[in-house]
PDB file of N, CA and C in Angstrom:
ATOM      1  N   MET A   1     110.594 -39.876  -5.977  1.00  0.00           N
ATOM      2  CA  MET A   1     111.783 -39.189  -5.516  1.00  0.00           C
ATOM      3  C   MET A   1     112.964 -40.155  -5.560  1.00  0.00           C
ATOM      4  N   ARG A   2     114.089 -39.613  -5.865  1.00  0.00           N
ATOM      5  CA  ARG A   2     115.298 -40.434  -5.934  1.00  0.00           C
ATOM      6  C   ARG A   2     116.065 -40.346  -4.627  1.00  0.00           C
ATOM      7  N   ARG A   3     116.715 -41.435  -4.297  1.00  0.00           N
ATOM      8  CA  ARG A   3     117.534 -41.469  -3.091  1.00  0.00           C
ATOM      9  C   ARG A   3     118.851 -40.751  -3.348  1.00  0.00           C
ATOM     10  N   PRO A   4     119.310 -39.941  -2.400  1.00  0.00           N
ATOM     11  CA  PRO A   4     120.602 -39.290  -2.582  1.00  0.00           C
ATOM     12  C   PRO A   4     121.722 -40.328  -2.555  1.00  0.00           C
ATOM     13  N   GLN A   5     122.535 -40.372  -3.594  1.00  0.00           N
ATOM     14  CA  GLN A   5     123.635 -41.321  -3.716  1.00  0.00           C
ATOM     15  C   GLN A   5     123.194 -42.769  -3.467  1.00  0.00           C
ATOM     16  N   GLY A   6     121.952 -43.081  -3.750  1.00  0.00           N
ATOM     17  CA  GLY A   6     121.486 -44.453  -3.658  1.00  0.00           C
ATOM     18  C   GLY A   6     121.162 -44.955  -2.266  1.00  0.00           C
ATOM     19  N   ASN A   7     121.275 -44.124  -1.255  1.00  0.00           N
ATOM     20  CA  ASN A   7     120.942 -44.589   0.099  1.00  0.00           C
ATOM     21  C   ASN A   7     120.275 -43.458   0.881  1.00  0.00           C
ATOM     22  N   GLY A   8     119.925 -43.719   2.098  1.00  0.00           N
ATOM     23  CA  GLY A   8     119.240 -42.712   2.899  1.00  0.00           C
ATOM     24  C   GLY A   8     117.743 -42.732   2.648  1.00  0.00           C
ATOM     25  N   LEU A   9     117.040 -41.831   3.301  1.00  0.00           N
ATOM     26  CA  LEU A   9     115.591 -41.749   3.171  1.00  0.00           C
ATOM     27  C   LEU A   9     115.223 -40.531   2.331  1.00  0.00           C
ATOM     28  N   VAL A  10     114.238 -40.683   1.486  1.00  0.00           N
ATOM     29  CA  VAL A  10     113.758 -39.565   0.680  1.00  0.00           C
ATOM     30  C   VAL A  10     112.694 -38.809   1.469  1.00  0.00           C
ATOM     31  N   GLU A  11     112.280 -37.653   0.944  1.00  0.00           N
ATOM     32  CA  GLU A  11     111.365 -36.780   1.678  1.00  0.00           C
ATOM     33  C   GLU A  11     110.051 -37.471   2.030  1.00  0.00           C
ATOM     34  N   ASN A  12     109.458 -38.209   1.101  1.00  0.00           N
ATOM     35  CA  ASN A  12     108.194 -38.882   1.403  1.00  0.00           C
ATOM     36  C   ASN A  12     108.346 -39.860   2.566  1.00  0.00           C
ATOM     37  N   GLU A  13     109.464 -40.572   2.606  1.00  0.00           N
ATOM     38  CA  GLU A  13     109.698 -41.513   3.705  1.00  0.00           C
ATOM     39  C   GLU A  13     109.874 -40.766   5.023  1.00  0.00           C
ATOM     40  N   LEU A  14     110.571 -39.644   4.978  1.00  0.00           N
ATOM     41  CA  LEU A  14     110.737 -38.839   6.193  1.00  0.00           C
ATOM     42  C   LEU A  14     109.399 -38.288   6.673  1.00  0.00           C
ATOM     43  N   ARG A  15     108.553 -37.880   5.742  1.00  0.00           N
ATOM     44  CA  ARG A  15     107.231 -37.365   6.123  1.00  0.00           C
ATOM     45  C   ARG A  15     106.388 -38.460   6.774  1.00  0.00           C
ATOM     46  N   VAL A  16     106.460 -39.674   6.236  1.00  0.00           N
ATOM     47  CA  VAL A  16     105.731 -40.796   6.843  1.00  0.00           C
ATOM     48  C   VAL A  16     106.262 -41.061   8.249  1.00  0.00           C
ATOM     49  N   LEU A  17     107.581 -41.029   8.417  1.00  0.00           N
ATOM     50  CA  LEU A  17     108.157 -41.236   9.752  1.00  0.00           C
ATOM     51  C   LEU A  17     107.752 -40.128  10.714  1.00  0.00           C
ATOM     52  N   ALA A  18     107.691 -38.885  10.228  1.00  0.00           N
ATOM     53  CA  ALA A  18     107.288 -37.770  11.093  1.00  0.00           C
ATOM     54  C   ALA A  18     105.872 -37.983  11.620  1.00  0.00           C
ATOM     55  N   VAL A  19     104.983 -38.408  10.742  1.00  0.00           N
ATOM     56  CA  VAL A  19     103.607 -38.680  11.171  1.00  0.00           C
ATOM     57  C   VAL A  19     103.569 -39.880  12.111  1.00  0.00           C
ATOM     58  N   ALA A  20     104.334 -40.911  11.815  1.00  0.00           N
ATOM     59  CA  ALA A  20     104.354 -42.101  12.677  1.00  0.00           C
ATOM     60  C   ALA A  20     104.840 -41.753  14.082  1.00  0.00           C
ATOM     61  N   VAL A  21     105.840 -40.883  14.181  1.00  0.00           N
ATOM     62  CA  VAL A  21     106.333 -40.468  15.501  1.00  0.00           C
ATOM     63  C   VAL A  21     105.263 -39.677  16.240  1.00  0.00           C
ATOM     64  N   ARG A  22     104.596 -38.766  15.544  1.00  0.00           N
ATOM     65  CA  ARG A  22     103.533 -37.983  16.195  1.00  0.00           C
ATOM     66  C   ARG A  22     102.396 -38.887  16.679  1.00  0.00           C
ATOM     67  N   LEU A  23     102.010 -39.841  15.859  1.00  0.00           N
ATOM     68  CA  LEU A  23     100.951 -40.766  16.266  1.00  0.00           C
ATOM     69  C   LEU A  23     101.418 -41.664  17.405  1.00  0.00           C
ATOM     70  N   HIS A  24     102.691 -42.031  17.405  1.00  0.00           N
ATOM     71  CA  HIS A  24     103.250 -42.828  18.502  1.00  0.00           C
ATOM     72  C   HIS A  24     103.197 -42.035  19.811  1.00  0.00           C
ATOM     73  N   GLN A  25     103.504 -40.743  19.731  1.00  0.00           N
ATOM     74  CA  GLN A  25     103.463 -39.913  20.931  1.00  0.00           C
ATOM     75  C   GLN A  25     102.042 -39.775  21.471  1.00  0.00           C
ATOM     76  N   GLU A  26     101.066 -39.866  20.574  1.00  0.00           N
ATOM     77  CA  GLU A  26      99.658 -39.841  20.993  1.00  0.00           C
ATOM     78  C   GLU A  26      99.163 -41.227  21.390  1.00  0.00           C
ATOM     79  N   LYS A  27     100.057 -42.217  21.327  1.00  0.00           N
ATOM     80  CA  LYS A  27      99.741 -43.611  21.654  1.00  0.00           C
ATOM     81  C   LYS A  27      98.627 -44.148  20.758  1.00  0.00           C
ATOM     82  N   ARG A  28      98.727 -43.836  19.472  1.00  0.00           N
ATOM     83  CA  ARG A  28      97.722 -44.282  18.512  1.00  0.00           C
ATOM     84  C   ARG A  28      98.312 -45.273  17.534  1.00  0.00           C
ATOM     85  N   ARG A  29      97.498 -46.241  17.158  1.00  0.00           N
ATOM     86  CA  ARG A  29      97.806 -47.119  16.030  1.00  0.00           C
ATOM     87  C   ARG A  29      97.032 -46.555  14.848  1.00  0.00           C
ATOM     88  N   TRP A  30      97.514 -46.774  13.646  1.00  0.00           N
ATOM     89  CA  TRP A  30      96.923 -46.106  12.501  1.00  0.00           C
ATOM     90  C   TRP A  30      96.891 -47.007  11.276  1.00  0.00           C
ATOM     91  N   THR A  31      95.953 -46.691  10.387  1.00  0.00           N
ATOM     92  CA  THR A  31      95.845 -47.366   9.101  1.00  0.00           C
ATOM     93  C   THR A  31      96.483 -46.468   8.040  1.00  0.00           C
ATOM     94  N   THR A  32      96.608 -46.972   6.831  1.00  0.00           N
ATOM     95  CA  THR A  32      97.183 -46.170   5.751  1.00  0.00           C
ATOM     96  C   THR A  32      96.313 -44.949   5.462  1.00  0.00           C
ATOM     97  N   ALA A  33      94.991 -45.104   5.517  1.00  0.00           N
ATOM     98  CA  ALA A  33      94.094 -43.970   5.279  1.00  0.00           C
ATOM     99  C   ALA A  33      94.275 -42.897   6.352  1.00  0.00           C
ATOM    100  N   GLU A  34      94.421 -43.302   7.603  1.00  0.00           N
ATOM    101  CA  GLU A  34      94.650 -42.336   8.679  1.00  0.00           C
ATOM    102  C   GLU A  34      96.007 -41.662   8.521  1.00  0.00           C
ATOM    103  N   LEU A  35      96.987 -42.406   8.019  1.00  0.00           N
ATOM    104  CA  LEU A  35      98.301 -41.834   7.739  1.00  0.00           C
ATOM    105  C   LEU A  35      98.187 -40.720   6.702  1.00  0.00           C
ATOM    106  N   LEU A  36      97.450 -40.962   5.632  1.00  0.00           N
ATOM    107  CA  LEU A  36      97.282 -39.950   4.590  1.00  0.00           C
ATOM    108  C   LEU A  36      96.595 -38.704   5.136  1.00  0.00           C
ATOM    109  N   ASP A  37      95.611 -38.888   5.995  1.00  0.00           N
ATOM    110  CA  ASP A  37      94.923 -37.757   6.617  1.00  0.00           C
ATOM    111  C   ASP A  37      95.891 -36.934   7.467  1.00  0.00           C
ATOM    112  N   GLU A  38      96.724 -37.599   8.239  1.00  0.00           N
ATOM    113  CA  GLU A  38      97.701 -36.895   9.077  1.00  0.00           C
ATOM    114  C   GLU A  38      98.782 -36.220   8.229  1.00  0.00           C
ATOM    115  N   LEU A  39      99.145 -36.824   7.101  1.00  0.00           N
ATOM    116  CA  LEU A  39     100.121 -36.191   6.209  1.00  0.00           C
ATOM    117  C   LEU A  39      99.597 -34.864   5.677  1.00  0.00           C
ATOM    118  N   LEU A  40      98.302 -34.791   5.398  1.00  0.00           N
ATOM    119  CA  LEU A  40      97.710 -33.529   4.947  1.00  0.00           C
ATOM    120  C   LEU A  40      97.785 -32.465   6.034  1.00  0.00           C
ATOM    121  N   ARG A  41      97.601 -32.860   7.278  1.00  0.00           N
ATOM    122  CA  ARG A  41      97.695 -31.900   8.388  1.00  0.00           C
ATOM    123  C   ARG A  41      99.130 -31.447   8.616  1.00  0.00           C
ATOM    124  N   LEU A  42     100.074 -32.346   8.380  1.00  0.00           N
ATOM    125  CA  LEU A  42     101.488 -32.039   8.590  1.00  0.00           C
ATOM    126  C   LEU A  42     102.005 -31.045   7.561  1.00  0.00           C
ATOM    127  N   ASP A  43     101.613 -31.221   6.329  1.00  0.00           N
ATOM    128  CA  ASP A  43     102.187 -30.452   5.231  1.00  0.00           C
ATOM    129  C   ASP A  43     101.282 -29.282   4.864  1.00  0.00           C
ATOM    130  N   LYS A  44     101.720 -28.086   5.200  1.00  0.00           N
ATOM    131  CA  LYS A  44     100.913 -26.892   4.928  1.00  0.00           C
ATOM    132  C   LYS A  44     100.855 -26.569   3.438  1.00  0.00           C
ATOM    133  N   GLN A  45     101.818 -27.048   2.657  1.00  0.00           N
ATOM    134  CA  GLN A  45     101.832 -26.778   1.220  1.00  0.00           C
ATOM    135  C   GLN A  45     100.999 -27.794   0.444  1.00  0.00           C
ATOM    136  N   LYS A  46     100.459 -28.770   1.134  1.00  0.00           N
ATOM    137  CA  LYS A  46      99.588 -29.793   0.536  1.00  0.00           C
ATOM    138  C   LYS A  46     100.271 -30.562  -0.590  1.00  0.00           C
ATOM    139  N   GLN A  47     101.531 -30.932  -0.367  1.00  0.00           N
ATOM    140  CA  GLN A  47     102.234 -31.789  -1.320  1.00  0.00           C
ATOM    141  C   GLN A  47     101.907 -33.234  -0.954  1.00  0.00           C
ATOM    142  N   THR A  48     100.794 -33.693  -1.449  1.00  0.00           N
ATOM    143  CA  THR A  48     100.290 -34.996  -1.021  1.00  0.00           C
ATOM    144  C   THR A  48     100.999 -36.134  -1.746  1.00  0.00           C
ATOM    145  N   ILE A  49     100.965 -37.285  -1.114  1.00  0.00           N
ATOM    146  CA  ILE A  49     101.405 -38.508  -1.772  1.00  0.00           C
ATOM    147  C   ILE A  49     100.170 -39.389  -1.915  1.00  0.00           C
ATOM    148  N   ASN A  50     100.158 -40.225  -2.934  1.00  0.00           N
ATOM    149  CA  ASN A  50      98.966 -41.045  -3.129  1.00  0.00           C
ATOM    150  C   ASN A  50      99.000 -42.277  -2.226  1.00  0.00           C
ATOM    151  N   GLU A  51      97.879 -42.968  -2.183  1.00  0.00           N
ATOM    152  CA  GLU A  51      97.738 -44.093  -1.262  1.00  0.00           C
ATOM    153  C   GLU A  51      98.708 -45.226  -1.584  1.00  0.00           C
ATOM    154  N   ALA A  52      98.947 -45.469  -2.860  1.00  0.00           N
ATOM    155  CA  ALA A  52      99.866 -46.548  -3.237  1.00  0.00           C
ATOM    156  C   ALA A  52     101.285 -46.250  -2.764  1.00  0.00           C
ATOM    157  N   THR A  53     101.715 -45.000  -2.887  1.00  0.00           N
ATOM    158  CA  THR A  53     103.048 -44.618  -2.418  1.00  0.00           C
ATOM    159  C   THR A  53     103.138 -44.765  -0.909  1.00  0.00           C
ATOM    160  N   ALA A  54     102.128 -44.300  -0.206  1.00  0.00           N
ATOM    161  CA  ALA A  54     102.118 -44.426   1.257  1.00  0.00           C
ATOM    162  C   ALA A  54     102.160 -45.895   1.667  1.00  0.00           C
ATOM    163  N   TYR A  55     101.398 -46.727   0.986  1.00  0.00           N
ATOM    164  CA  TYR A  55     101.374 -48.148   1.317  1.00  0.00           C
ATOM    165  C   TYR A  55     102.734 -48.794   1.058  1.00  0.00           C
ATOM    166  N   ARG A  56     103.391 -48.444  -0.057  1.00  0.00           N
ATOM    167  CA  ARG A  56     104.723 -48.989  -0.345  1.00  0.00           C
ATOM    168  C   ARG A  56     105.731 -48.577   0.721  1.00  0.00           C
ATOM    169  N   ILE A  57     105.678 -47.329   1.144  1.00  0.00           N
ATOM    170  CA  ILE A  57     106.610 -46.851   2.169  1.00  0.00           C
ATOM    171  C   ILE A  57     106.371 -47.585   3.480  1.00  0.00           C
ATOM    172  N   VAL A  58     105.116 -47.694   3.880  1.00  0.00           N
ATOM    173  CA  VAL A  58     104.786 -48.378   5.132  1.00  0.00           C
ATOM    174  C   VAL A  58     105.209 -49.845   5.061  1.00  0.00           C
ATOM    175  N   THR A  59     104.952 -50.491   3.938  1.00  0.00           N
ATOM    176  CA  THR A  59     105.346 -51.890   3.777  1.00  0.00           C
ATOM    177  C   THR A  59     106.861 -52.040   3.838  1.00  0.00           C
ATOM    178  N   ARG A  60     107.585 -51.121   3.214  1.00  0.00           N
ATOM    179  CA  ARG A  60     109.046 -51.164   3.263  1.00  0.00           C
ATOM    180  C   ARG A  60     109.534 -51.005   4.700  1.00  0.00           C
ATOM    181  N   PHE A  61     108.908 -50.106   5.458  1.00  0.00           N
ATOM    182  CA  PHE A  61     109.313 -49.916   6.850  1.00  0.00           C
ATOM    183  C   PHE A  61     108.981 -51.139   7.699  1.00  0.00           C
ATOM    184  N   CYS A  62     107.921 -51.866   7.351  1.00  0.00           N
ATOM    185  CA  CYS A  62     107.565 -53.085   8.095  1.00  0.00           C
ATOM    186  C   CYS A  62     108.513 -54.229   7.767  1.00  0.00           C
ATOM    187  N   LEU A  63     108.729 -54.471   6.488  1.00  0.00           N
ATOM    188  CA  LEU A  63     109.453 -55.665   6.064  1.00  0.00           C
ATOM    189  C   LEU A  63     110.961 -55.470   5.988  1.00  0.00           C
ATOM    190  N   ASP A  64     111.409 -54.422   5.309  1.00  0.00           N
ATOM    191  CA  ASP A  64     112.844 -54.240   5.092  1.00  0.00           C
ATOM    192  C   ASP A  64     113.556 -53.687   6.320  1.00  0.00           C
ATOM    193  N   HIS A  65     113.005 -52.628   6.879  1.00  0.00           N
ATOM    194  CA  HIS A  65     113.674 -51.948   7.992  1.00  0.00           C
ATOM    195  C   HIS A  65     113.227 -52.454   9.360  1.00  0.00           C
ATOM    196  N   GLU A  66     112.082 -53.085   9.415  1.00  0.00           N
ATOM    197  CA  GLU A  66     111.491 -53.559  10.677  1.00  0.00           C
ATOM    198  C   GLU A  66     111.300 -52.423  11.683  1.00  0.00           C
ATOM    199  N   TYR A  67     110.866 -51.249  11.175  1.00  0.00           N
ATOM    200  CA  TYR A  67     110.566 -50.098  12.027  1.00  0.00           C
ATOM    201  C   TYR A  67     109.142 -50.162  12.578  1.00  0.00           C
ATOM    202  N   LEU A  68     108.249 -50.800  11.838  1.00  0.00           N
ATOM    203  CA  LEU A  68     106.835 -50.819  12.199  1.00  0.00           C
ATOM    204  C   LEU A  68     106.371 -52.238  12.485  1.00  0.00           C
ATOM    205  N   ASN A  69     105.427 -52.338  13.393  1.00  0.00           N
ATOM    206  CA  ASN A  69     104.695 -53.581  13.614  1.00  0.00           C
ATOM    207  C   ASN A  69     103.265 -53.335  13.167  1.00  0.00           C
ATOM    208  N   TYR A  70     102.551 -54.402  12.908  1.00  0.00           N
ATOM    209  CA  TYR A  70     101.153 -54.227  12.524  1.00  0.00           C
ATOM    210  C   TYR A  70     100.294 -55.320  13.129  1.00  0.00           C
ATOM    211  N   SER A  71      99.028 -55.010  13.229  1.00  0.00           N
ATOM    212  CA  SER A  71      98.021 -55.973  13.653  1.00  0.00           C
ATOM    213  C   SER A  71      96.799 -55.726  12.773  1.00  0.00           C
ATOM    214  N   TRP A  72      95.815 -56.573  12.908  1.00  0.00           N
ATOM    215  CA  TRP A  72      94.614 -56.423  12.092  1.00  0.00           C
ATOM    216  C   TRP A  72      93.508 -55.771  12.904  1.00  0.00           C
ATOM    217  N   ARG A  73      92.851 -54.786  12.315  1.00  0.00           N
ATOM    218  CA  ARG A  73      91.678 -54.146  12.906  1.00  0.00           C
ATOM    219  C   ARG A  73      90.460 -54.797  12.269  1.00  0.00           C
ATOM    220  N   LEU A  74      89.632 -55.394  13.103  1.00  0.00           N
ATOM    221  CA  LEU A  74      88.442 -56.071  12.586  1.00  0.00           C
ATOM    222  C   LEU A  74      87.342 -55.059  12.303  1.00  0.00           C
ATOM    223  N   PRO A  75      86.486 -55.343  11.340  1.00  0.00           N
ATOM    224  CA  PRO A  75      85.421 -54.397  10.998  1.00  0.00           C
ATOM    225  C   PRO A  75      84.395 -54.276  12.117  1.00  0.00           C
ATOM    226  N   THR A  76      83.738 -53.126  12.160  1.00  0.00           N
ATOM    227  CA  THR A  76      82.716 -52.900  13.184  1.00  0.00           C
ATOM    228  C   THR A  76      81.334 -53.328  12.711  1.00  0.00           C
ATOM    229  N   SER A  77      81.201 -53.579  11.419  1.00  0.00           N
ATOM    230  CA  SER A  77      79.914 -54.035  10.907  1.00  0.00           C
ATOM    231  C   SER A  77      80.117 -55.291  10.064  1.00  0.00           C
ATOM    232  N   TYR A  78      79.035 -55.909   9.744  1.00  0.00           N
ATOM    233  CA  TYR A  78      79.074 -57.136   8.951  1.00  0.00           C
ATOM    234  C   TYR A  78      79.645 -56.884   7.555  1.00  0.00           C
ATOM    235  N   HIS A  79      79.415 -55.685   7.018  1.00  0.00           N
ATOM    236  CA  HIS A  79      79.816 -55.373   5.652  1.00  0.00           C
ATOM    237  C   HIS A  79      81.231 -54.817   5.554  1.00  0.00           C
ATOM    238  N   GLY A  80      81.862 -54.562   6.670  1.00  0.00           N
ATOM    239  CA  GLY A  80      83.205 -53.988   6.642  1.00  0.00           C
ATOM    240  C   GLY A  80      84.273 -55.016   6.319  1.00  0.00           C
ATOM    241  N   ARG A  81      85.471 -54.511   6.093  1.00  0.00           N
ATOM    242  CA  ARG A  81      86.617 -55.375   5.807  1.00  0.00           C
ATOM    243  C   ARG A  81      87.685 -55.134   6.864  1.00  0.00           C
ATOM    244  N   PRO A  82      88.469 -56.147   7.188  1.00  0.00           N
ATOM    245  CA  PRO A  82      89.572 -55.925   8.121  1.00  0.00           C
ATOM    246  C   PRO A  82      90.636 -55.029   7.481  1.00  0.00           C
ATOM    247  N   SER A  83      91.359 -54.306   8.310  1.00  0.00           N
ATOM    248  CA  SER A  83      92.436 -53.458   7.800  1.00  0.00           C
ATOM    249  C   SER A  83      93.639 -53.570   8.725  1.00  0.00           C
ATOM    250  N   ARG A  84      94.796 -53.266   8.186  1.00  0.00           N
ATOM    251  CA  ARG A  84      96.015 -53.310   8.997  1.00  0.00           C
ATOM    252  C   ARG A  84      96.142 -52.043   9.817  1.00  0.00           C
ATOM    253  N   GLN A  85      96.604 -52.237  11.026  1.00  0.00           N
ATOM    254  CA  GLN A  85      96.833 -51.150  11.962  1.00  0.00           C
ATOM    255  C   GLN A  85      98.329 -51.151  12.279  1.00  0.00           C
ATOM    256  N   PHE A  86      99.012 -50.039  12.039  1.00  0.00           N
ATOM    257  CA  PHE A  86     100.458 -49.969  12.206  1.00  0.00           C
ATOM    258  C   PHE A  86     100.831 -49.195  13.459  1.00  0.00           C
ATOM    259  N   HIS A  87     102.029 -49.470  13.979  1.00  0.00           N
ATOM    260  CA  HIS A  87     102.596 -48.668  15.065  1.00  0.00           C
ATOM    261  C   HIS A  87     104.114 -48.832  15.062  1.00  0.00           C
ATOM    262  N   LEU A  88     104.805 -47.795  15.522  1.00  0.00           N
ATOM    263  CA  LEU A  88     106.267 -47.837  15.596  1.00  0.00           C
ATOM    264  C   LEU A  88     106.700 -48.769  16.707  1.00  0.00           C
ATOM    265  N   ASN A  89     107.735 -49.547  16.456  1.00  0.00           N
ATOM    266  CA  ASN A  89     108.334 -50.342  17.524  1.00  0.00           C
ATOM    267  C   ASN A  89     109.544 -49.563  18.065  1.00  0.00           C
ATOM    268  N   PRO A  90     110.179 -50.005  19.145  1.00  0.00           N
ATOM    269  CA  PRO A  90     111.295 -49.239  19.719  1.00  0.00           C
ATOM    270  C   PRO A  90     112.450 -48.996  18.743  1.00  0.00           C
ATOM    271  N   ILE A  91     112.763 -49.971  17.897  1.00  0.00           N
ATOM    272  CA  ILE A  91     113.825 -49.781  16.902  1.00  0.00           C
ATOM    273  C   ILE A  91     113.427 -48.684  15.920  1.00  0.00           C
ATOM    274  N   GLY A  92     112.200 -48.728  15.470  1.00  0.00           N
ATOM    275  CA  GLY A  92     111.706 -47.730  14.526  1.00  0.00           C
ATOM    276  C   GLY A  92     111.649 -46.341  15.118  1.00  0.00           C
ATOM    277  N   LEU A  93     111.256 -46.248  16.387  1.00  0.00           N
ATOM    278  CA  LEU A  93     111.184 -44.942  17.041  1.00  0.00           C
ATOM    279  C   LEU A  93     112.567 -44.307  17.127  1.00  0.00           C
ATOM    280  N   LYS A  94     113.550 -45.093  17.500  1.00  0.00           N
ATOM    281  CA  LYS A  94     114.921 -44.582  17.608  1.00  0.00           C
ATOM    282  C   LYS A  94     115.442 -44.146  16.237  1.00  0.00           C
ATOM    283  N   ALA A  95     115.247 -44.985  15.226  1.00  0.00           N
ATOM    284  CA  ALA A  95     115.714 -44.662  13.874  1.00  0.00           C
ATOM    285  C   ALA A  95     114.966 -43.462  13.296  1.00  0.00           C
ATOM    286  N   ALA A  96     113.663 -43.385  13.552  1.00  0.00           N
ATOM    287  CA  ALA A  96     112.864 -42.275  13.037  1.00  0.00           C
ATOM    288  C   ALA A  96     113.306 -40.954  13.646  1.00  0.00           C
ATOM    289  N   LYS A  97     113.502 -40.937  14.950  1.00  0.00           N
ATOM    290  CA  LYS A  97     113.932 -39.695  15.596  1.00  0.00           C
ATOM    291  C   LYS A  97     115.301 -39.254  15.092  1.00  0.00           C
ATOM    292  N   ALA A  98     116.210 -40.202  14.903  1.00  0.00           N
ATOM    293  CA  ALA A  98     117.545 -39.856  14.396  1.00  0.00           C
ATOM    294  C   ALA A  98     117.458 -39.285  12.978  1.00  0.00           C
ATOM    295  N   ALA A  99     116.687 -39.929  12.108  1.00  0.00           N
ATOM    296  CA  ALA A  99     116.558 -39.467  10.722  1.00  0.00           C
ATOM    297  C   ALA A  99     115.874 -38.110  10.650  1.00  0.00           C
ATOM    298  N   LEU A 100     114.830 -37.916  11.458  1.00  0.00           N
ATOM    299  CA  LEU A 100     114.106 -36.649  11.436  1.00  0.00           C
ATOM    300  C   LEU A 100     114.944 -35.518  12.016  1.00  0.00           C
ATOM    301  N   ASN A 101     115.673 -35.793  13.085  1.00  0.00           N
ATOM    302  CA  ASN A 101     116.544 -34.761  13.653  1.00  0.00           C
ATOM    303  C   ASN A 101     117.626 -34.354  12.660  1.00  0.00           C
ATOM    304  N   GLN A 102     118.163 -35.313  11.916  1.00  0.00           N
ATOM    305  CA  GLN A 102     119.172 -35.001  10.908  1.00  0.00           C
ATOM    306  C   GLN A 102     118.567 -34.154   9.790  1.00  0.00           C
ATOM    307  N   ALA A 103     117.375 -34.514   9.320  1.00  0.00           N
ATOM    308  CA  ALA A 103     116.720 -33.750   8.254  1.00  0.00           C
ATOM    309  C   ALA A 103     116.404 -32.335   8.723  1.00  0.00           C
ATOM    310  N   PHE A 104     115.971 -32.183   9.977  1.00  0.00           N
ATOM    311  CA  PHE A 104     115.668 -30.862  10.518  1.00  0.00           C
ATOM    312  C   PHE A 104     116.942 -30.036  10.640  1.00  0.00           C
ATOM    313  N   ALA A 105     118.027 -30.664  11.092  1.00  0.00           N
ATOM    314  CA  ALA A 105     119.297 -29.954  11.257  1.00  0.00           C
ATOM    315  C   ALA A 105     119.853 -29.476   9.919  1.00  0.00           C
ATOM    316  N   GLU A 106     119.617 -30.229   8.863  1.00  0.00           N
ATOM    317  CA  GLU A 106     120.083 -29.824   7.537  1.00  0.00           C
ATOM    318  C   GLU A 106     119.275 -28.661   6.985  1.00  0.00           C
ATOM    319  N   GLY A 107     118.127 -28.366   7.587  1.00  0.00           N
ATOM    320  CA  GLY A 107     117.330 -27.210   7.198  1.00  0.00           C
ATOM    321  C   GLY A 107     116.405 -27.417   6.020  1.00  0.00           C
ATOM    322  N   ASN A 108     116.328 -28.617   5.503  1.00  0.00           N
ATOM    323  CA  ASN A 108     115.475 -28.873   4.342  1.00  0.00           C
ATOM    324  C   ASN A 108     114.050 -29.254   4.715  1.00  0.00           C
ATOM    325  N   ALA A 109     113.821 -29.568   5.969  1.00  0.00           N
ATOM    326  CA  ALA A 109     112.512 -30.090   6.375  1.00  0.00           C
ATOM    327  C   ALA A 109     112.088 -29.477   7.708  1.00  0.00           C
ATOM    328  N   PRO A 110     111.499 -28.277   7.696  1.00  0.00           N
ATOM    329  CA  PRO A 110     111.088 -27.661   8.960  1.00  0.00           C
ATOM    330  C   PRO A 110     110.014 -28.458   9.697  1.00  0.00           C
ATOM    331  N   TRP A 111     109.261 -29.281   8.983  1.00  0.00           N
ATOM    332  CA  TRP A 111     108.213 -30.105   9.592  1.00  0.00           C
ATOM    333  C   TRP A 111     108.786 -31.318  10.316  1.00  0.00           C
ATOM    334  N   ALA A 112     110.090 -31.561  10.196  1.00  0.00           N
ATOM    335  CA  ALA A 112     110.697 -32.775  10.754  1.00  0.00           C
ATOM    336  C   ALA A 112     111.101 -32.637  12.215  1.00  0.00           C
ATOM    337  N   LYS A 113     110.832 -31.497  12.832  1.00  0.00           N
ATOM    338  CA  LYS A 113     111.234 -31.310  14.226  1.00  0.00           C
ATOM    339  C   LYS A 113     110.491 -32.300  15.120  1.00  0.00           C
ATOM    340  N   VAL A 114     111.262 -33.031  15.913  1.00  0.00           N
ATOM    341  CA  VAL A 114     110.700 -34.035  16.813  1.00  0.00           C
ATOM    342  C   VAL A 114     110.743 -33.481  18.228  1.00  0.00           C
ATOM    343  N   THR A 115     109.610 -33.511  18.893  1.00  0.00           N
ATOM    344  CA  THR A 115     109.574 -33.080  20.290  1.00  0.00           C
ATOM    345  C   THR A 115     109.694 -34.301  21.179  1.00  0.00           C
ATOM    346  N   ARG A 116     110.203 -34.088  22.361  1.00  0.00           N
ATOM    347  CA  ARG A 116     110.448 -35.139  23.360  1.00  0.00           C
ATOM    348  C   ARG A 116     111.586 -36.004  22.995  1.00  0.00           C
TER     349      ARG A 116
END
């Protein structure tokens, strides 16, 4: 997806933020795989994004925007691998709610409604 006039957030980024806000409200930390699962529940039309796109968006929100923090989740078995666990920080929560409320107000994203 292309950015409107070179700035702002595109739909995939808004969808990731919508899921991050919902998971934050549930007080959950999440991995990229859990994010993809929640994106499927969010989008009734099943317009999925692939794992690489989701990972790029999450990484951009961690490094460039500093909306997300992460920690490492250790494996539960000897054969498992560690994975990153993400969560919204206060700056990210404020920015996410503002962006989602704007997208909802414009009428292009009915799934962007933020409660609370």
